[in-house]
Structure formats: C-alpha cells, structure tokens
Amino acid sequence: MSDRRLQVFHTVAGVLSFTRAAEALHMTQPAVTHQIRQLEEELNARLFDRSNNSISLTDAGAQVLVYADRIISLYGEMSESVKELTGDKAGLITLGASTTIAEYMLPGLLGDFRRHFPEVQITLRVANTDAIVALVADNTIDLGVVEGEVDNQLLRVERCQEDELQVIMPPGHPLSSSKSIEPMALSSYPFIHREDGSGTRSVVERYLSAHGVDEHTLNRPFELGSTEAIKGAVQAGMGITIVSRATFSRELALGLLEARPLSPRLERTLYFVRQRQKFRTHLMDELFQFAKQHLDKSDV
C-alpha cells in the first residue's frame, strides 16, 4: 500500500505496543511513533491513549481501525483481481511461523505442499509468536502458525494441534532419576529461558505460576533466542529447560540429552492465525486446508 502510515497504525492497533509493532515491521520505535503522529495530525485526532507503558485505542482510533480493515482488505482484493486479469497464475503465499514450529514441524508440510502445488511459491517468515501475530494483523503474511495464545480482535484464531512440553537435561542429571518432574523441583537448578515474546516462554511462565513457582525464585543464568542454542547450553551442562517434545528427538537418540514429562503434564495448543476480513484467494484457502490436515495428522 502507498500509505505506510495506515499500515503502521493497523499493526500498532493489532498488538497495542509500539515496540512489538516496530519489530514486526522491521522499523525503529521512533519511526513507528513518527508515522502515528503524522496520521494523528492529518486526522486532527488522537488515536491512542498512552499511559504507564501501555496504550489503548481512543474512540477515534477504534473508528479509524474499522476503515483501515476495509481499506487493507480492498487493496488485497484489487491486487488479486489484477492478477487474474493479467493471467498471473504463478501464485505467491507468505506463511509465518514461530521459531519452534518453523524449525521442527513445517519442513515436512512445505515439502508435501510443494509436491502437490509445484507452481506455487511459498515464502516463510520466522519470528516469535508476538511478531508473527503482528505480521498477520498488518496483512504482511497470509497465514501464521504460532505457539502462544492470541488476543487480537483483528484475527481469526483456529486450533492447529496439541503439543507437549517436557524438561530436558544433560545425561546423568539428578532429575533424570525421576519418571516425571514436579514444577517446584525446577527451582533447585539453573533454568534457561527463551527470549521475551516467545510463545514457549509465555506457556512455561503461566504453567509455573499456576503451580506455585515464583519466576523470581528461579536461578536464570541467561536467556537465549532459539531452541537450538538452548539445547546446546543444556548439553554443555549450563542448566535445564522446558521445550516442545518435537524439538529433541535427535538428541535423545544420540544420548546427548535426557527428557522427562512434567507432573502434571504441560500441554499447549498450536494455533492458525488469519485475518478475519482479508480477501482470500483460492490459493490461500488451499494452503490453509492443506496445513490443517497435515499438522492435525502429525505426531508432535
């Protein structure tokens, strides 16, 4: 779209955070703030209330959001109509996924889809859950698959599949003598976290809090931005962590890690995220249905 300000507003309104919107748009936070101020000056209305490091839509902002949804949807419909008119049948779809899903669950899906639809080009964007949700809300990607719960009024959120998370540790770790691990037992050992904004981290934090573990009592030597980095740190004896069961089968087979389920078990739902009002092409629906069937049948 030519009016970048409207795109920026749409993203900020979706995630209600200038910082997270800037990350999703690959912009600096001051640049995002500048775009919003320009739009507010043009409309002569304040679009966001800012207080205590949080923002919310004003009445004017809520009204602008209604029109922004319609404008962005119409722009997508116009683009598809032109493609049909000019005979552009190649097809390009942008799929977004949070890191764990992209690295461990999607390769097989994308390979199968490519075999069924060789003429379709798929671009995969990988980021944490918050960023993927923002990109879908901003109409930058067509379909997102994320790990964490999604609270965004602009989006349609649908169940993908269930995923169990387990504790991983180096071989011979004291916790490996147990068949399952209670949450309180984690407080006795260094615990390695994913970065803030990660869907896995959000799920783990909620689980620990629900079972009486105060985050501030955990010995957290550092945070790492990828599951691979965390597994490497655990292998090196630097701590333990909780990750998806889909991520460590190779290390278990090679004897590099050990894993135990939590008690009670920790399971989460993976979600598909789409725009509610976005003009959908036949190709986008094909990808959604294909992904839904593929991931629903896979064993995570």
C-alpha atoms as a PDB file:
ATOM      1  CA  MET A   1       0.000   0.000   0.000  1.00  0.00           C
ATOM      2  CA  SER A   2       1.147   3.518  -0.687  1.00  0.00           C
ATOM      3  CA  ASP A   3       0.052   4.982   2.660  1.00  0.00           C
ATOM      4  CA  ARG A   4       2.573   3.482   5.039  1.00  0.00           C
ATOM      5  CA  ARG A   5       1.015   5.342   7.938  1.00  0.00           C
ATOM      6  CA  LEU A   6      -2.170   3.313   7.703  1.00  0.00           C
ATOM      7  CA  GLN A   7      -0.222   0.048   7.682  1.00  0.00           C
ATOM      8  CA  VAL A   8       1.762   1.139  10.718  1.00  0.00           C
ATOM      9  CA  PHE A   9      -1.414   2.194  12.545  1.00  0.00           C
ATOM     10  CA  HIS A  10      -3.043  -1.144  11.711  1.00  0.00           C
ATOM     11  CA  THR A  11      -0.114  -3.073  13.184  1.00  0.00           C
ATOM     12  CA  VAL A  12       0.097  -0.980  16.354  1.00  0.00           C
ATOM     13  CA  ALA A  13      -3.671  -1.304  16.850  1.00  0.00           C
ATOM     14  CA  GLY A  14      -3.392  -5.064  16.483  1.00  0.00           C
ATOM     15  CA  VAL A  15      -0.715  -5.629  19.123  1.00  0.00           C
ATOM     16  CA  LEU A  16      -1.226  -2.462  21.212  1.00  0.00           C
ATOM     17  CA  SER A  17       2.509  -1.978  21.515  1.00  0.00           C
ATOM     18  CA  PHE A  18       4.830   0.387  19.663  1.00  0.00           C
ATOM     19  CA  THR A  19       7.808  -1.841  20.467  1.00  0.00           C
ATOM     20  CA  ARG A  20       6.260  -5.058  19.155  1.00  0.00           C
ATOM     21  CA  ALA A  21       4.864  -3.267  16.099  1.00  0.00           C
ATOM     22  CA  ALA A  22       8.326  -1.893  15.314  1.00  0.00           C
ATOM     23  CA  GLU A  23       9.819  -5.390  15.500  1.00  0.00           C
ATOM     24  CA  ALA A  24       7.150  -6.817  13.188  1.00  0.00           C
ATOM     25  CA  LEU A  25       7.554  -4.006  10.666  1.00  0.00           C
ATOM     26  CA  HIS A  26      11.371  -4.001  10.816  1.00  0.00           C
ATOM     27  CA  MET A  27      11.314  -0.347  11.825  1.00  0.00           C
ATOM     28  CA  THR A  28      12.698   1.565  14.767  1.00  0.00           C
ATOM     29  CA  GLN A  29      10.282   2.503  17.506  1.00  0.00           C
ATOM     30  CA  PRO A  30      10.787   6.258  16.910  1.00  0.00           C
ATOM     31  CA  ALA A  31       9.926   5.710  13.224  1.00  0.00           C
ATOM     32  CA  VAL A  32       6.688   3.941  14.182  1.00  0.00           C
ATOM     33  CA  THR A  33       5.826   6.734  16.623  1.00  0.00           C
ATOM     34  CA  HIS A  34       6.529   9.333  13.922  1.00  0.00           C
ATOM     35  CA  GLN A  35       4.170   7.606  11.452  1.00  0.00           C
ATOM     36  CA  ILE A  36       1.392   7.511  14.056  1.00  0.00           C
ATOM     37  CA  ARG A  37       1.866  11.172  14.932  1.00  0.00           C
ATOM     38  CA  GLN A  38       1.708  12.137  11.263  1.00  0.00           C
ATOM     39  CA  LEU A  39      -1.569  10.240  10.862  1.00  0.00           C
ATOM     40  CA  GLU A  40      -2.966  11.836  14.024  1.00  0.00           C
ATOM     41  CA  GLU A  41      -2.008  15.291  12.730  1.00  0.00           C
ATOM     42  CA  GLU A  42      -3.668  14.659   9.379  1.00  0.00           C
ATOM     43  CA  LEU A  43      -6.871  13.428  11.018  1.00  0.00           C
ATOM     44  CA  ASN A  44      -6.659  16.026  13.794  1.00  0.00           C
ATOM     45  CA  ALA A  45      -7.450  13.349  16.357  1.00  0.00           C
ATOM     46  CA  ARG A  46      -5.570  11.337  18.963  1.00  0.00           C
ATOM     47  CA  LEU A  47      -5.708   7.656  18.012  1.00  0.00           C
ATOM     48  CA  PHE A  48      -4.076   6.086  21.073  1.00  0.00           C
ATOM     49  CA  ASP A  49      -4.161   6.775  24.787  1.00  0.00           C
ATOM     50  CA  ARG A  50      -0.683   6.351  26.259  1.00  0.00           C
ATOM     51  CA  SER A  51      -0.211   5.740  29.980  1.00  0.00           C
ATOM     52  CA  ASN A  52       2.035   3.657  32.255  1.00  0.00           C
ATOM     53  CA  ASN A  53       3.918   1.998  29.382  1.00  0.00           C
ATOM     54  CA  SER A  54       0.680   0.738  27.824  1.00  0.00           C
ATOM     55  CA  ILE A  55      -1.539   2.016  25.042  1.00  0.00           C
ATOM     56  CA  SER A  56      -5.184   1.658  24.070  1.00  0.00           C
ATOM     57  CA  LEU A  57      -7.329   2.859  21.201  1.00  0.00           C
ATOM     58  CA  THR A  58      -9.304   6.053  21.638  1.00  0.00           C
ATOM     59  CA  ASP A  59     -12.817   6.264  20.216  1.00  0.00           C
ATOM     60  CA  ALA A  60     -11.330   7.930  17.147  1.00  0.00           C
ATOM     61  CA  GLY A  61      -8.703   5.203  16.896  1.00  0.00           C
ATOM     62  CA  ALA A  62     -11.363   2.482  17.028  1.00  0.00           C
ATOM     63  CA  GLN A  63     -13.217   4.221  14.196  1.00  0.00           C
ATOM     64  CA  VAL A  64     -10.053   4.510  12.098  1.00  0.00           C
ATOM     65  CA  LEU A  65      -9.371   0.803  12.687  1.00  0.00           C
ATOM     66  CA  VAL A  66     -12.743  -0.124  11.173  1.00  0.00           C
ATOM     67  CA  TYR A  67     -11.872   1.754   7.985  1.00  0.00           C
ATOM     68  CA  ALA A  68      -8.264   0.518   7.971  1.00  0.00           C
ATOM     69  CA  ASP A  69      -9.531  -3.089   7.981  1.00  0.00           C
ATOM     70  CA  ARG A  70     -11.759  -2.352   4.983  1.00  0.00           C
ATOM     71  CA  ILE A  71      -9.065  -0.445   3.064  1.00  0.00           C
ATOM     72  CA  ILE A  72      -6.423  -3.142   3.542  1.00  0.00           C
ATOM     73  CA  SER A  73      -8.891  -5.864   2.569  1.00  0.00           C
ATOM     74  CA  LEU A  74      -9.952  -3.960  -0.571  1.00  0.00           C
ATOM     75  CA  TYR A  75      -6.338  -3.420  -1.521  1.00  0.00           C
ATOM     76  CA  GLY A  76      -5.744  -7.175  -1.370  1.00  0.00           C
ATOM     77  CA  GLU A  77      -8.865  -7.811  -3.440  1.00  0.00           C
ATOM     78  CA  MET A  78      -7.722  -5.277  -6.031  1.00  0.00           C
ATOM     79  CA  SER A  79      -4.305  -6.925  -6.311  1.00  0.00           C
ATOM     80  CA  GLU A  80      -5.835 -10.370  -6.840  1.00  0.00           C
ATOM     81  CA  SER A  81      -8.276  -9.049  -9.431  1.00  0.00           C
ATOM     82  CA  VAL A  82      -5.431  -7.526 -11.444  1.00  0.00           C
ATOM     83  CA  LYS A  83      -3.501 -10.794 -11.270  1.00  0.00           C
ATOM     84  CA  GLU A  84      -6.496 -12.673 -12.687  1.00  0.00           C
ATOM     85  CA  LEU A  85      -6.927 -10.103 -15.428  1.00  0.00           C
ATOM     86  CA  THR A  86      -3.276 -10.277 -16.486  1.00  0.00           C
ATOM     87  CA  GLY A  87      -3.170 -14.066 -16.309  1.00  0.00           C
ATOM     88  CA  ASP A  88      -0.703 -14.189 -13.416  1.00  0.00           C
ATOM     89  CA  LYS A  89      -1.154 -17.765 -12.233  1.00  0.00           C
ATOM     90  CA  ALA A  90       2.213 -18.354 -10.612  1.00  0.00           C
ATOM     91  CA  GLY A  91       0.981 -17.738  -7.106  1.00  0.00           C
ATOM     92  CA  LEU A  92       2.833 -16.448  -4.088  1.00  0.00           C
ATOM     93  CA  ILE A  93       1.830 -17.115  -0.500  1.00  0.00           C
ATOM     94  CA  THR A  94       3.579 -15.907   2.608  1.00  0.00           C
ATOM     95  CA  LEU A  95       3.435 -18.217   5.609  1.00  0.00           C
ATOM     96  CA  GLY A  96       4.633 -17.126   9.035  1.00  0.00           C
ATOM     97  CA  ALA A  97       5.563 -19.354  11.938  1.00  0.00           C
ATOM     98  CA  SER A  98       7.049 -19.012  15.368  1.00  0.00           C
ATOM     99  CA  THR A  99      10.534 -20.416  15.691  1.00  0.00           C
ATOM    100  CA  THR A 100       9.820 -23.882  17.120  1.00  0.00           C
ATOM    101  CA  ILE A 101       7.115 -24.620  14.564  1.00  0.00           C
ATOM    102  CA  ALA A 102       9.193 -23.363  11.628  1.00  0.00           C
ATOM    103  CA  GLU A 103      12.276 -25.357  12.568  1.00  0.00           C
ATOM    104  CA  TYR A 104      10.723 -28.665  13.602  1.00  0.00           C
ATOM    105  CA  MET A 105       7.166 -29.002  12.250  1.00  0.00           C
ATOM    106  CA  LEU A 106       6.883 -27.152   8.938  1.00  0.00           C
ATOM    107  CA  PRO A 107       9.644 -28.638   6.726  1.00  0.00           C
ATOM    108  CA  GLY A 108       7.596 -31.756   6.005  1.00  0.00           C
ATOM    109  CA  LEU A 109       4.432 -29.755   5.381  1.00  0.00           C
ATOM    110  CA  LEU A 110       6.133 -27.383   2.946  1.00  0.00           C
ATOM    111  CA  GLY A 111       7.726 -30.277   1.073  1.00  0.00           C
ATOM    112  CA  ASP A 112       4.376 -32.029   0.659  1.00  0.00           C
ATOM    113  CA  PHE A 113       2.632 -28.834  -0.396  1.00  0.00           C
ATOM    114  CA  ARG A 114       5.317 -28.154  -2.985  1.00  0.00           C
ATOM    115  CA  ARG A 115       4.845 -31.623  -4.472  1.00  0.00           C
ATOM    116  CA  HIS A 116       1.084 -31.085  -4.757  1.00  0.00           C
ATOM    117  CA  PHE A 117       1.319 -27.482  -5.991  1.00  0.00           C
ATOM    118  CA  PRO A 118       4.681 -27.112  -7.775  1.00  0.00           C
ATOM    119  CA  GLU A 119       3.649 -23.830  -9.405  1.00  0.00           C
ATOM    120  CA  VAL A 120       3.098 -22.084  -6.082  1.00  0.00           C
ATOM    121  CA  GLN A 121       5.898 -20.193  -4.382  1.00  0.00           C
ATOM    122  CA  ILE A 122       5.817 -20.055  -0.590  1.00  0.00           C
ATOM    123  CA  THR A 123       7.769 -17.520   1.413  1.00  0.00           C
ATOM    124  CA  LEU A 124       8.311 -18.418   5.069  1.00  0.00           C
ATOM    125  CA  ARG A 125       8.795 -15.713   7.688  1.00  0.00           C
ATOM    126  CA  VAL A 126      10.182 -16.921  11.020  1.00  0.00           C
ATOM    127  CA  ALA A 127       9.821 -14.899  14.218  1.00  0.00           C
ATOM    128  CA  ASN A 128       8.490 -15.269  17.725  1.00  0.00           C
ATOM    129  CA  THR A 129       4.760 -15.512  18.344  1.00  0.00           C
ATOM    130  CA  ASP A 130       4.185 -11.815  19.028  1.00  0.00           C
ATOM    131  CA  ALA A 131       5.898 -10.769  15.803  1.00  0.00           C
ATOM    132  CA  ILE A 132       4.019 -13.320  13.657  1.00  0.00           C
ATOM    133  CA  VAL A 133       0.667 -12.181  15.055  1.00  0.00           C
ATOM    134  CA  ALA A 134       1.582  -8.582  14.260  1.00  0.00           C
ATOM    135  CA  LEU A 135       2.578  -9.503  10.695  1.00  0.00           C
ATOM    136  CA  VAL A 136      -0.739 -11.265  10.084  1.00  0.00           C
ATOM    137  CA  ALA A 137      -2.620  -8.298  11.550  1.00  0.00           C
ATOM    138  CA  ASP A 138      -0.673  -5.962   9.280  1.00  0.00           C
ATOM    139  CA  ASN A 139      -1.533  -8.041   6.206  1.00  0.00           C
ATOM    140  CA  THR A 140       2.166  -8.753   5.613  1.00  0.00           C
ATOM    141  CA  ILE A 141       1.711 -12.529   5.742  1.00  0.00           C
ATOM    142  CA  ASP A 142      -1.275 -14.638   4.705  1.00  0.00           C
ATOM    143  CA  LEU A 143      -1.268 -17.333   7.381  1.00  0.00           C
ATOM    144  CA  GLY A 144       0.502 -17.679  10.716  1.00  0.00           C
ATOM    145  CA  VAL A 145       1.116 -20.769  12.838  1.00  0.00           C
ATOM    146  CA  VAL A 146       2.012 -19.880  16.412  1.00  0.00           C
ATOM    147  CA  GLU A 147       2.664 -21.445  19.794  1.00  0.00           C
ATOM    148  CA  GLY A 148       1.133 -18.963  22.220  1.00  0.00           C
ATOM    149  CA  GLU A 149      -2.412 -17.832  22.861  1.00  0.00           C
ATOM    150  CA  VAL A 150      -3.501 -14.943  20.650  1.00  0.00           C
ATOM    151  CA  ASP A 151      -5.529 -11.990  21.841  1.00  0.00           C
ATOM    152  CA  ASN A 152      -6.100  -9.803  18.808  1.00  0.00           C
ATOM    153  CA  GLN A 153      -9.516  -8.601  17.685  1.00  0.00           C
ATOM    154  CA  LEU A 154      -8.376  -8.334  14.059  1.00  0.00           C
ATOM    155  CA  LEU A 155      -7.665 -12.014  13.664  1.00  0.00           C
ATOM    156  CA  ARG A 156      -9.360 -15.354  13.278  1.00  0.00           C
ATOM    157  CA  VAL A 157      -7.663 -17.893  15.537  1.00  0.00           C
ATOM    158  CA  GLU A 158      -8.223 -21.641  14.998  1.00  0.00           C
ATOM    159  CA  ARG A 159      -6.816 -24.719  16.688  1.00  0.00           C
ATOM    160  CA  CYS A 160      -3.985 -26.439  14.854  1.00  0.00           C
ATOM    161  CA  GLN A 161      -2.829 -29.297  17.134  1.00  0.00           C
ATOM    162  CA  GLU A 162      -1.691 -30.143  20.657  1.00  0.00           C
ATOM    163  CA  ASP A 163       1.946 -30.059  21.696  1.00  0.00           C
ATOM    164  CA  GLU A 164       3.507 -31.410  24.897  1.00  0.00           C
ATOM    165  CA  LEU A 165       6.423 -29.646  26.558  1.00  0.00           C
ATOM    166  CA  GLN A 166       8.953 -31.559  28.644  1.00  0.00           C
ATOM    167  CA  VAL A 167      12.005 -30.903  30.798  1.00  0.00           C
ATOM    168  CA  ILE A 168      15.340 -31.565  29.106  1.00  0.00           C
ATOM    169  CA  MET A 169      18.653 -32.035  30.935  1.00  0.00           C
ATOM    170  CA  PRO A 170      22.159 -33.361  30.292  1.00  0.00           C
ATOM    171  CA  PRO A 171      22.693 -37.123  30.744  1.00  0.00           C
ATOM    172  CA  GLY A 172      23.153 -38.134  34.365  1.00  0.00           C
ATOM    173  CA  HIS A 173      21.433 -35.039  35.764  1.00  0.00           C
ATOM    174  CA  PRO A 174      19.896 -35.588  39.245  1.00  0.00           C
ATOM    175  CA  LEU A 175      16.378 -35.063  37.827  1.00  0.00           C
ATOM    176  CA  SER A 176      16.872 -37.906  35.336  1.00  0.00           C
ATOM    177  CA  SER A 177      16.267 -40.433  38.134  1.00  0.00           C
ATOM    178  CA  SER A 178      12.607 -39.368  38.243  1.00  0.00           C
ATOM    179  CA  LYS A 179       9.926 -40.649  35.856  1.00  0.00           C
ATOM    180  CA  SER A 180       8.257 -37.227  35.916  1.00  0.00           C
ATOM    181  CA  ILE A 181       9.172 -33.859  37.399  1.00  0.00           C
ATOM    182  CA  GLU A 182       7.091 -31.610  39.628  1.00  0.00           C
ATOM    183  CA  PRO A 183       7.341 -27.875  38.919  1.00  0.00           C
ATOM    184  CA  MET A 184       8.809 -26.986  42.327  1.00  0.00           C
ATOM    185  CA  ALA A 185      11.795 -29.262  41.656  1.00  0.00           C
ATOM    186  CA  LEU A 186      12.948 -26.914  38.883  1.00  0.00           C
ATOM    187  CA  SER A 187      13.820 -24.211  41.426  1.00  0.00           C
ATOM    188  CA  SER A 188      16.886 -26.153  42.572  1.00  0.00           C
ATOM    189  CA  TYR A 189      18.738 -25.918  39.252  1.00  0.00           C
ATOM    190  CA  PRO A 190      19.779 -23.216  36.745  1.00  0.00           C
ATOM    191  CA  PHE A 191      16.864 -22.719  34.343  1.00  0.00           C
ATOM    192  CA  ILE A 192      17.459 -21.388  30.825  1.00  0.00           C
ATOM    193  CA  HIS A 193      14.639 -19.269  29.375  1.00  0.00           C
ATOM    194  CA  ARG A 194      13.691 -18.348  25.819  1.00  0.00           C
ATOM    195  CA  GLU A 195      13.583 -14.645  24.955  1.00  0.00           C
ATOM    196  CA  ASP A 196      10.699 -12.386  25.944  1.00  0.00           C
ATOM    197  CA  GLY A 197       7.911 -12.627  23.349  1.00  0.00           C
ATOM    198  CA  SER A 198       8.467 -16.337  22.731  1.00  0.00           C
ATOM    199  CA  GLY A 199       5.309 -18.445  22.769  1.00  0.00           C
ATOM    200  CA  THR A 200       7.154 -21.221  24.575  1.00  0.00           C
ATOM    201  CA  ARG A 201       8.289 -18.841  27.299  1.00  0.00           C
ATOM    202  CA  SER A 202       4.761 -17.499  27.828  1.00  0.00           C
ATOM    203  CA  VAL A 203       3.339 -21.015  28.201  1.00  0.00           C
ATOM    204  CA  VAL A 204       6.097 -22.068  30.619  1.00  0.00           C
ATOM    205  CA  GLU A 205       5.700 -18.942  32.754  1.00  0.00           C
ATOM    206  CA  ARG A 206       1.932 -19.429  33.064  1.00  0.00           C
ATOM    207  CA  TYR A 207       2.372 -23.114  33.945  1.00  0.00           C
ATOM    208  CA  LEU A 208       4.971 -22.441  36.642  1.00  0.00           C
ATOM    209  CA  SER A 209       2.932 -19.621  38.139  1.00  0.00           C
ATOM    210  CA  ALA A 210      -0.193 -21.807  38.224  1.00  0.00           C
ATOM    211  CA  HIS A 211       1.747 -24.439  40.177  1.00  0.00           C
ATOM    212  CA  GLY A 212       3.239 -22.164  42.785  1.00  0.00           C
ATOM    213  CA  VAL A 213       6.643 -21.446  41.287  1.00  0.00           C
ATOM    214  CA  ASP A 214       7.629 -17.799  41.592  1.00  0.00           C
ATOM    215  CA  GLU A 215       9.585 -16.753  38.489  1.00  0.00           C
ATOM    216  CA  HIS A 216      11.802 -14.562  40.651  1.00  0.00           C
ATOM    217  CA  THR A 217      12.987 -17.569  42.676  1.00  0.00           C
ATOM    218  CA  LEU A 218      14.319 -19.399  39.618  1.00  0.00           C
ATOM    219  CA  ASN A 219      18.053 -19.369  39.008  1.00  0.00           C
ATOM    220  CA  ARG A 220      18.068 -17.966  35.466  1.00  0.00           C
ATOM    221  CA  PRO A 221      21.668 -17.584  34.287  1.00  0.00           C
ATOM    222  CA  PHE A 222      20.656 -16.196  30.881  1.00  0.00           C
ATOM    223  CA  GLU A 223      18.063 -16.147  28.107  1.00  0.00           C
ATOM    224  CA  LEU A 224      18.618 -17.461  24.587  1.00  0.00           C
ATOM    225  CA  GLY A 225      16.793 -16.657  21.360  1.00  0.00           C
ATOM    226  CA  SER A 226      16.486 -20.110  19.800  1.00  0.00           C
ATOM    227  CA  THR A 227      15.728 -23.681  20.806  1.00  0.00           C
ATOM    228  CA  GLU A 228      18.945 -24.894  19.180  1.00  0.00           C
ATOM    229  CA  ALA A 229      21.009 -22.524  21.308  1.00  0.00           C
ATOM    230  CA  ILE A 230      19.173 -23.615  24.437  1.00  0.00           C
ATOM    231  CA  LYS A 231      19.679 -27.311  23.675  1.00  0.00           C
ATOM    232  CA  GLY A 232      23.386 -26.660  23.181  1.00  0.00           C
ATOM    233  CA  ALA A 233      23.587 -24.899  26.538  1.00  0.00           C
ATOM    234  CA  VAL A 234      21.772 -27.774  28.259  1.00  0.00           C
ATOM    235  CA  GLN A 235      24.100 -30.312  26.634  1.00  0.00           C
ATOM    236  CA  ALA A 236      27.047 -28.306  27.967  1.00  0.00           C
ATOM    237  CA  GLY A 237      25.669 -28.661  31.499  1.00  0.00           C
ATOM    238  CA  MET A 238      24.745 -24.993  31.901  1.00  0.00           C
ATOM    239  CA  GLY A 239      21.194 -25.638  33.058  1.00  0.00           C
ATOM    240  CA  ILE A 240      17.859 -27.282  32.330  1.00  0.00           C
ATOM    241  CA  THR A 241      14.812 -26.022  30.474  1.00  0.00           C
ATOM    242  CA  ILE A 242      11.347 -26.846  29.168  1.00  0.00           C
ATOM    243  CA  VAL A 243      10.834 -27.224  25.416  1.00  0.00           C
ATOM    244  CA  SER A 244       8.478 -28.856  22.929  1.00  0.00           C
ATOM    245  CA  ARG A 245       8.693 -32.640  22.618  1.00  0.00           C
ATOM    246  CA  ALA A 246       9.027 -32.140  18.854  1.00  0.00           C
ATOM    247  CA  THR A 247      12.425 -30.477  19.219  1.00  0.00           C
ATOM    248  CA  PHE A 248      14.748 -33.005  20.824  1.00  0.00           C
ATOM    249  CA  SER A 249      14.184 -36.478  19.289  1.00  0.00           C
ATOM    250  CA  ARG A 250      17.591 -36.441  17.562  1.00  0.00           C
ATOM    251  CA  GLU A 251      19.452 -35.551  20.764  1.00  0.00           C
ATOM    252  CA  LEU A 252      17.615 -38.281  22.696  1.00  0.00           C
ATOM    253  CA  ALA A 253      18.533 -40.871  20.062  1.00  0.00           C
ATOM    254  CA  LEU A 254      22.198 -39.838  20.214  1.00  0.00           C
ATOM    255  CA  GLY A 255      22.272 -39.819  24.010  1.00  0.00           C
ATOM    256  CA  LEU A 256      23.074 -36.093  24.163  1.00  0.00           C
ATOM    257  CA  LEU A 257      20.046 -35.167  26.258  1.00  0.00           C
ATOM    258  CA  GLU A 258      17.515 -36.736  28.559  1.00  0.00           C
ATOM    259  CA  ALA A 259      13.879 -35.674  28.836  1.00  0.00           C
ATOM    260  CA  ARG A 260      11.135 -36.152  31.394  1.00  0.00           C
ATOM    261  CA  PRO A 261       7.465 -35.117  31.353  1.00  0.00           C
ATOM    262  CA  LEU A 262       6.199 -32.675  33.919  1.00  0.00           C
ATOM    263  CA  SER A 263       3.687 -33.659  36.571  1.00  0.00           C
ATOM    264  CA  PRO A 264       1.046 -32.525  35.900  1.00  0.00           C
ATOM    265  CA  ARG A 265       1.770 -32.668  32.191  1.00  0.00           C
ATOM    266  CA  LEU A 266       2.288 -29.443  30.300  1.00  0.00           C
ATOM    267  CA  GLU A 267       0.447 -29.285  27.003  1.00  0.00           C
ATOM    268  CA  ARG A 268      -0.407 -26.352  24.785  1.00  0.00           C
ATOM    269  CA  THR A 269      -2.451 -25.735  21.694  1.00  0.00           C
ATOM    270  CA  LEU A 270      -0.823 -24.543  18.479  1.00  0.00           C
ATOM    271  CA  TYR A 271      -2.939 -22.068  16.512  1.00  0.00           C
ATOM    272  CA  PHE A 272      -3.531 -20.950  12.965  1.00  0.00           C
ATOM    273  CA  VAL A 273      -3.893 -17.173  12.709  1.00  0.00           C
ATOM    274  CA  ARG A 274      -5.618 -15.423   9.782  1.00  0.00           C
ATOM    275  CA  GLN A 275      -7.210 -12.078   9.098  1.00  0.00           C
ATOM    276  CA  ARG A 276     -10.950 -12.023   9.745  1.00  0.00           C
ATOM    277  CA  GLN A 277     -11.866  -9.769   6.844  1.00  0.00           C
ATOM    278  CA  LYS A 278      -8.980 -10.271   4.450  1.00  0.00           C
ATOM    279  CA  PHE A 279      -9.901 -11.068   0.858  1.00  0.00           C
ATOM    280  CA  ARG A 280      -8.857 -14.687   0.488  1.00  0.00           C
ATOM    281  CA  THR A 281      -7.745 -16.241  -2.759  1.00  0.00           C
ATOM    282  CA  HIS A 282      -8.394 -19.862  -3.664  1.00  0.00           C
ATOM    283  CA  LEU A 283      -4.668 -20.447  -3.220  1.00  0.00           C
ATOM    284  CA  MET A 284      -4.698 -19.158   0.347  1.00  0.00           C
ATOM    285  CA  ASP A 285      -7.600 -21.450   1.211  1.00  0.00           C
ATOM    286  CA  GLU A 286      -5.745 -24.391  -0.352  1.00  0.00           C
ATOM    287  CA  LEU A 287      -2.716 -23.733   1.838  1.00  0.00           C
ATOM    288  CA  PHE A 288      -4.819 -23.374   4.976  1.00  0.00           C
ATOM    289  CA  GLN A 289      -6.708 -26.618   4.418  1.00  0.00           C
ATOM    290  CA  PHE A 290      -3.527 -28.458   3.456  1.00  0.00           C
ATOM    291  CA  ALA A 291      -1.674 -27.217   6.545  1.00  0.00           C
ATOM    292  CA  LYS A 292      -4.604 -28.028   8.804  1.00  0.00           C
ATOM    293  CA  GLN A 293      -4.826 -31.619   7.577  1.00  0.00           C
ATOM    294  CA  HIS A 294      -1.056 -32.165   7.588  1.00  0.00           C
ATOM    295  CA  LEU A 295      -0.395 -30.841  11.084  1.00  0.00           C
ATOM    296  CA  ASP A 296      -3.508 -32.441  12.553  1.00  0.00           C
ATOM    297  CA  LYS A 297      -2.244 -35.873  11.427  1.00  0.00           C
ATOM    298  CA  SER A 298       1.364 -35.364  12.544  1.00  0.00           C
ATOM    299  CA  ASP A 299       2.583 -36.735  15.866  1.00  0.00           C
ATOM    300  CA  VAL A 300       4.044 -33.979  17.996  1.00  0.00           C
END
